Amino acid sequence: MGFFKFIVISFLVLYIIRVIIRLIFPSVLRGMVNNMQEQARNQQAGQQPRRPEGSINIDYVPPRSKPKPKPGAADKLGEFVDYEEIK
């Protein structure tokens, strides 16, 4: 008799949980979807406005500096010597 009582109570509890989940789960899911949509709208509003296609906008161009010669680089090339052609 105790086993039969356990089975009946188990089925009743599972049925009640199933009904509650069917009622509550859609509303919880709907709330999560609405929250995600609101976050997406906020992100979109925070972005910069779109420019028309083909327009170019350069905000910053870093200055170009010429590389400085290393000290002693001329020494490695050797010494320039004038010469005359002898016939």
N, C-alpha and C. Protein backbone atom coordinates (compact mmCIF):
# COMPACT_ATOMS: atom_id res chain seq x y z
N MET A 1 0.82 -1.19 0.00
CA MET A 1 0.00 0.00 0.00
C MET A 1 0.86 1.26 0.00
N GLY A 2 1.99 1.24 0.68
CA GLY A 2 2.88 2.39 0.75
C GLY A 2 3.50 2.71 -0.60
N PHE A 3 3.84 1.66 -1.37
CA PHE A 3 4.44 1.85 -2.68
C PHE A 3 3.44 2.51 -3.64
N PHE A 4 2.18 2.04 -3.60
CA PHE A 4 1.13 2.61 -4.44
C PHE A 4 0.91 4.08 -4.11
N LYS A 5 0.92 4.41 -2.82
CA LYS A 5 0.75 5.80 -2.37
C LYS A 5 1.91 6.67 -2.88
N PHE A 6 3.14 6.14 -2.85
CA PHE A 6 4.32 6.86 -3.32
C PHE A 6 4.20 7.16 -4.82
N ILE A 7 3.76 6.16 -5.60
CA ILE A 7 3.62 6.33 -7.05
C ILE A 7 2.57 7.39 -7.36
N VAL A 8 1.42 7.36 -6.70
CA VAL A 8 0.35 8.32 -6.95
C VAL A 8 0.82 9.73 -6.60
N ILE A 9 1.46 9.90 -5.46
CA ILE A 9 1.93 11.23 -5.04
C ILE A 9 3.02 11.72 -6.01
N SER A 10 3.89 10.84 -6.46
CA SER A 10 4.94 11.23 -7.41
C SER A 10 4.34 11.73 -8.72
N PHE A 11 3.34 10.99 -9.24
CA PHE A 11 2.70 11.43 -10.47
C PHE A 11 1.99 12.76 -10.29
N LEU A 12 1.32 12.95 -9.17
CA LEU A 12 0.64 14.22 -8.91
C LEU A 12 1.64 15.38 -8.84
N VAL A 13 2.74 15.18 -8.14
CA VAL A 13 3.75 16.23 -8.02
C VAL A 13 4.35 16.56 -9.39
N LEU A 14 4.67 15.53 -10.17
CA LEU A 14 5.23 15.76 -11.50
C LEU A 14 4.23 16.47 -12.41
N TYR A 15 2.95 16.11 -12.32
CA TYR A 15 1.92 16.76 -13.13
C TYR A 15 1.77 18.23 -12.74
N ILE A 16 1.78 18.50 -11.45
CA ILE A 16 1.65 19.88 -10.97
C ILE A 16 2.87 20.71 -11.42
N ILE A 17 4.06 20.14 -11.32
CA ILE A 17 5.28 20.84 -11.75
C ILE A 17 5.21 21.12 -13.25
N ARG A 18 4.72 20.13 -14.01
CA ARG A 18 4.60 20.30 -15.46
C ARG A 18 3.64 21.42 -15.81
N VAL A 19 2.51 21.51 -15.13
CA VAL A 19 1.52 22.57 -15.38
C VAL A 19 2.11 23.93 -15.00
N ILE A 20 2.77 23.99 -13.86
CA ILE A 20 3.36 25.26 -13.42
C ILE A 20 4.42 25.73 -14.41
N ILE A 21 5.25 24.82 -14.88
CA ILE A 21 6.30 25.19 -15.83
C ILE A 21 5.68 25.68 -17.13
N ARG A 22 4.61 25.06 -17.58
CA ARG A 22 3.94 25.50 -18.80
C ARG A 22 3.34 26.89 -18.65
N LEU A 23 2.96 27.27 -17.46
CA LEU A 23 2.39 28.59 -17.24
C LEU A 23 3.47 29.65 -17.01
N ILE A 24 4.52 29.31 -16.29
CA ILE A 24 5.52 30.29 -15.90
C ILE A 24 6.62 30.45 -16.95
N PHE A 25 7.07 29.38 -17.56
CA PHE A 25 8.21 29.42 -18.47
C PHE A 25 8.02 30.40 -19.64
N PRO A 26 6.86 30.44 -20.31
CA PRO A 26 6.70 31.41 -21.40
C PRO A 26 6.82 32.86 -20.95
N SER A 27 6.29 33.19 -19.78
CA SER A 27 6.39 34.57 -19.32
C SER A 27 7.83 34.93 -18.95
N VAL A 28 8.56 33.99 -18.37
CA VAL A 28 9.97 34.23 -18.05
C VAL A 28 10.76 34.41 -19.35
N LEU A 29 10.51 33.55 -20.32
CA LEU A 29 11.20 33.64 -21.60
C LEU A 29 10.87 34.95 -22.30
N ARG A 30 9.62 35.37 -22.27
CA ARG A 30 9.19 36.62 -22.89
C ARG A 30 9.92 37.81 -22.24
N GLY A 31 10.05 37.78 -20.92
CA GLY A 31 10.77 38.84 -20.22
C GLY A 31 12.24 38.90 -20.62
N MET A 32 12.87 37.74 -20.76
CA MET A 32 14.27 37.70 -21.16
C MET A 32 14.44 38.25 -22.58
N VAL A 33 13.53 37.88 -23.49
CA VAL A 33 13.61 38.35 -24.87
C VAL A 33 13.42 39.86 -24.92
N ASN A 34 12.46 40.38 -24.17
CA ASN A 34 12.24 41.82 -24.14
C ASN A 34 13.46 42.56 -23.60
N ASN A 35 14.09 42.00 -22.59
CA ASN A 35 15.29 42.61 -22.01
C ASN A 35 16.43 42.63 -23.03
N MET A 36 16.61 41.55 -23.77
CA MET A 36 17.67 41.49 -24.78
C MET A 36 17.39 42.48 -25.91
N GLN A 37 16.12 42.62 -26.31
CA GLN A 37 15.78 43.57 -27.36
C GLN A 37 16.05 45.00 -26.91
N GLU A 38 15.76 45.30 -25.67
CA GLU A 38 16.00 46.63 -25.12
C GLU A 38 17.51 46.93 -25.11
N GLN A 39 18.31 45.95 -24.73
CA GLN A 39 19.76 46.15 -24.75
C GLN A 39 20.27 46.39 -26.17
N ALA A 40 19.72 45.67 -27.14
CA ALA A 40 20.13 45.86 -28.53
C ALA A 40 19.75 47.26 -29.01
N ARG A 41 18.58 47.74 -28.64
CA ARG A 41 18.17 49.10 -29.01
C ARG A 41 19.10 50.13 -28.40
N ASN A 42 19.48 49.93 -27.14
CA ASN A 42 20.37 50.87 -26.48
C ASN A 42 21.74 50.89 -27.14
N GLN A 43 22.23 49.74 -27.55
CA GLN A 43 23.53 49.68 -28.23
C GLN A 43 23.46 50.38 -29.58
N GLN A 44 22.36 50.19 -30.29
CA GLN A 44 22.22 50.81 -31.59
C GLN A 44 22.13 52.32 -31.47
N ALA A 45 21.46 52.81 -30.45
CA ALA A 45 21.33 54.25 -30.26
C ALA A 45 22.66 54.88 -29.90
N GLY A 46 23.54 54.15 -29.26
CA GLY A 46 24.83 54.67 -28.84
C GLY A 46 25.86 54.71 -29.94
N GLN A 47 25.60 54.07 -31.06
CA GLN A 47 26.57 54.05 -32.15
C GLN A 47 26.55 55.37 -32.90
N GLN A 48 27.64 55.65 -33.60
CA GLN A 48 27.73 56.86 -34.39
C GLN A 48 26.77 56.78 -35.56
N PRO A 49 26.26 57.92 -35.99
CA PRO A 49 25.35 57.88 -37.15
C PRO A 49 26.07 57.43 -38.40
N ARG A 50 25.37 56.74 -39.25
CA ARG A 50 25.97 56.21 -40.47
C ARG A 50 26.23 57.35 -41.47
N ARG A 51 27.33 57.24 -42.18
CA ARG A 51 27.66 58.20 -43.22
C ARG A 51 27.18 57.63 -44.56
N PRO A 52 26.92 58.51 -45.50
CA PRO A 52 26.52 58.00 -46.81
C PRO A 52 27.65 57.19 -47.44
N GLU A 53 27.29 56.22 -48.24
CA GLU A 53 28.28 55.34 -48.84
C GLU A 53 29.18 56.12 -49.78
N GLY A 54 30.47 55.87 -49.68
CA GLY A 54 31.44 56.53 -50.55
C GLY A 54 32.11 57.72 -49.91
N SER A 55 31.62 58.21 -48.79
CA SER A 55 32.27 59.36 -48.15
C SER A 55 33.45 58.86 -47.31
N ILE A 56 34.48 59.66 -47.29
CA ILE A 56 35.68 59.31 -46.55
C ILE A 56 35.94 60.38 -45.51
N ASN A 57 36.22 59.94 -44.31
CA ASN A 57 36.51 60.86 -43.23
C ASN A 57 37.76 60.38 -42.51
N ILE A 58 38.81 61.20 -42.53
CA ILE A 58 40.05 60.84 -41.87
C ILE A 58 40.16 61.71 -40.63
N ASP A 59 40.16 61.07 -39.47
CA ASP A 59 40.19 61.80 -38.21
C ASP A 59 41.60 62.23 -37.83
N TYR A 60 42.58 61.39 -38.06
CA TYR A 60 43.93 61.69 -37.59
C TYR A 60 44.94 61.02 -38.50
N VAL A 61 45.93 61.78 -38.92
CA VAL A 61 47.02 61.23 -39.71
C VAL A 61 48.29 61.48 -38.91
N PRO A 62 48.96 60.43 -38.48
CA PRO A 62 50.17 60.63 -37.68
C PRO A 62 51.28 61.25 -38.53
N PRO A 63 52.06 62.13 -37.95
CA PRO A 63 53.15 62.73 -38.71
C PRO A 63 54.22 61.68 -39.03
N ARG A 64 54.77 61.79 -40.22
CA ARG A 64 55.82 60.84 -40.62
C ARG A 64 57.17 61.48 -40.34
N SER A 65 57.98 60.78 -39.64
CA SER A 65 59.33 61.28 -39.37
C SER A 65 60.31 60.43 -40.15
N LYS A 66 61.33 61.10 -40.68
CA LYS A 66 62.35 60.37 -41.43
C LYS A 66 63.23 59.63 -40.44
N PRO A 67 63.60 58.42 -40.78
CA PRO A 67 64.47 57.69 -39.85
C PRO A 67 65.83 58.38 -39.75
N LYS A 68 66.29 58.55 -38.55
CA LYS A 68 67.57 59.20 -38.31
C LYS A 68 68.68 58.18 -38.58
N PRO A 69 69.78 58.64 -39.23
CA PRO A 69 70.88 57.70 -39.47
C PRO A 69 71.55 57.35 -38.15
N LYS A 70 71.95 56.14 -38.08
CA LYS A 70 72.62 55.68 -36.86
C LYS A 70 74.01 56.30 -36.78
N PRO A 71 74.43 56.65 -35.58
CA PRO A 71 75.78 57.20 -35.47
C PRO A 71 76.80 56.13 -35.87
N GLY A 72 77.74 56.57 -36.69
CA GLY A 72 78.76 55.65 -37.13
C GLY A 72 78.38 54.90 -38.38
N ALA A 73 77.22 55.17 -38.97
CA ALA A 73 76.81 54.47 -40.18
C ALA A 73 77.69 54.86 -41.35
N ALA A 74 78.12 56.14 -41.39
CA ALA A 74 78.99 56.58 -42.48
C ALA A 74 80.36 55.91 -42.38
N ASP A 75 80.80 55.59 -41.17
CA ASP A 75 82.09 54.94 -41.00
C ASP A 75 82.10 53.54 -41.61
N LYS A 76 81.00 52.90 -41.59
CA LYS A 76 80.93 51.53 -42.11
C LYS A 76 81.01 51.50 -43.63
N LEU A 77 80.60 52.61 -44.26
CA LEU A 77 80.62 52.64 -45.72
C LEU A 77 82.04 52.80 -46.26
N GLY A 78 82.90 53.30 -45.46
CA GLY A 78 84.27 53.51 -45.91
C GLY A 78 84.52 54.97 -46.24
N GLU A 79 85.66 55.23 -46.83
CA GLU A 79 86.06 56.60 -47.12
C GLU A 79 86.02 56.81 -48.61
N PHE A 80 85.50 57.98 -49.04
CA PHE A 80 85.42 58.28 -50.46
C PHE A 80 86.76 58.84 -50.93
N VAL A 81 87.28 58.26 -51.99
CA VAL A 81 88.58 58.69 -52.53
C VAL A 81 88.41 59.10 -53.97
N ASP A 82 88.83 60.32 -54.28
CA ASP A 82 88.82 60.77 -55.68
C ASP A 82 89.92 60.05 -56.45
N TYR A 83 89.65 59.76 -57.68
CA TYR A 83 90.69 59.12 -58.49
C TYR A 83 90.66 59.70 -59.90
N GLU A 84 91.75 59.60 -60.54
CA GLU A 84 91.85 60.05 -61.92
C GLU A 84 92.16 58.84 -62.78
N GLU A 85 91.59 58.89 -63.97
CA GLU A 85 91.83 57.78 -64.88
C GLU A 85 93.16 58.04 -65.60
N ILE A 86 94.02 57.06 -65.61
CA ILE A 86 95.32 57.19 -66.24
C ILE A 86 95.33 56.38 -67.53
N LYS A 87 95.82 57.05 -68.63
CA LYS A 87 95.86 56.36 -69.93
C LYS A 87 97.24 55.97 -70.30
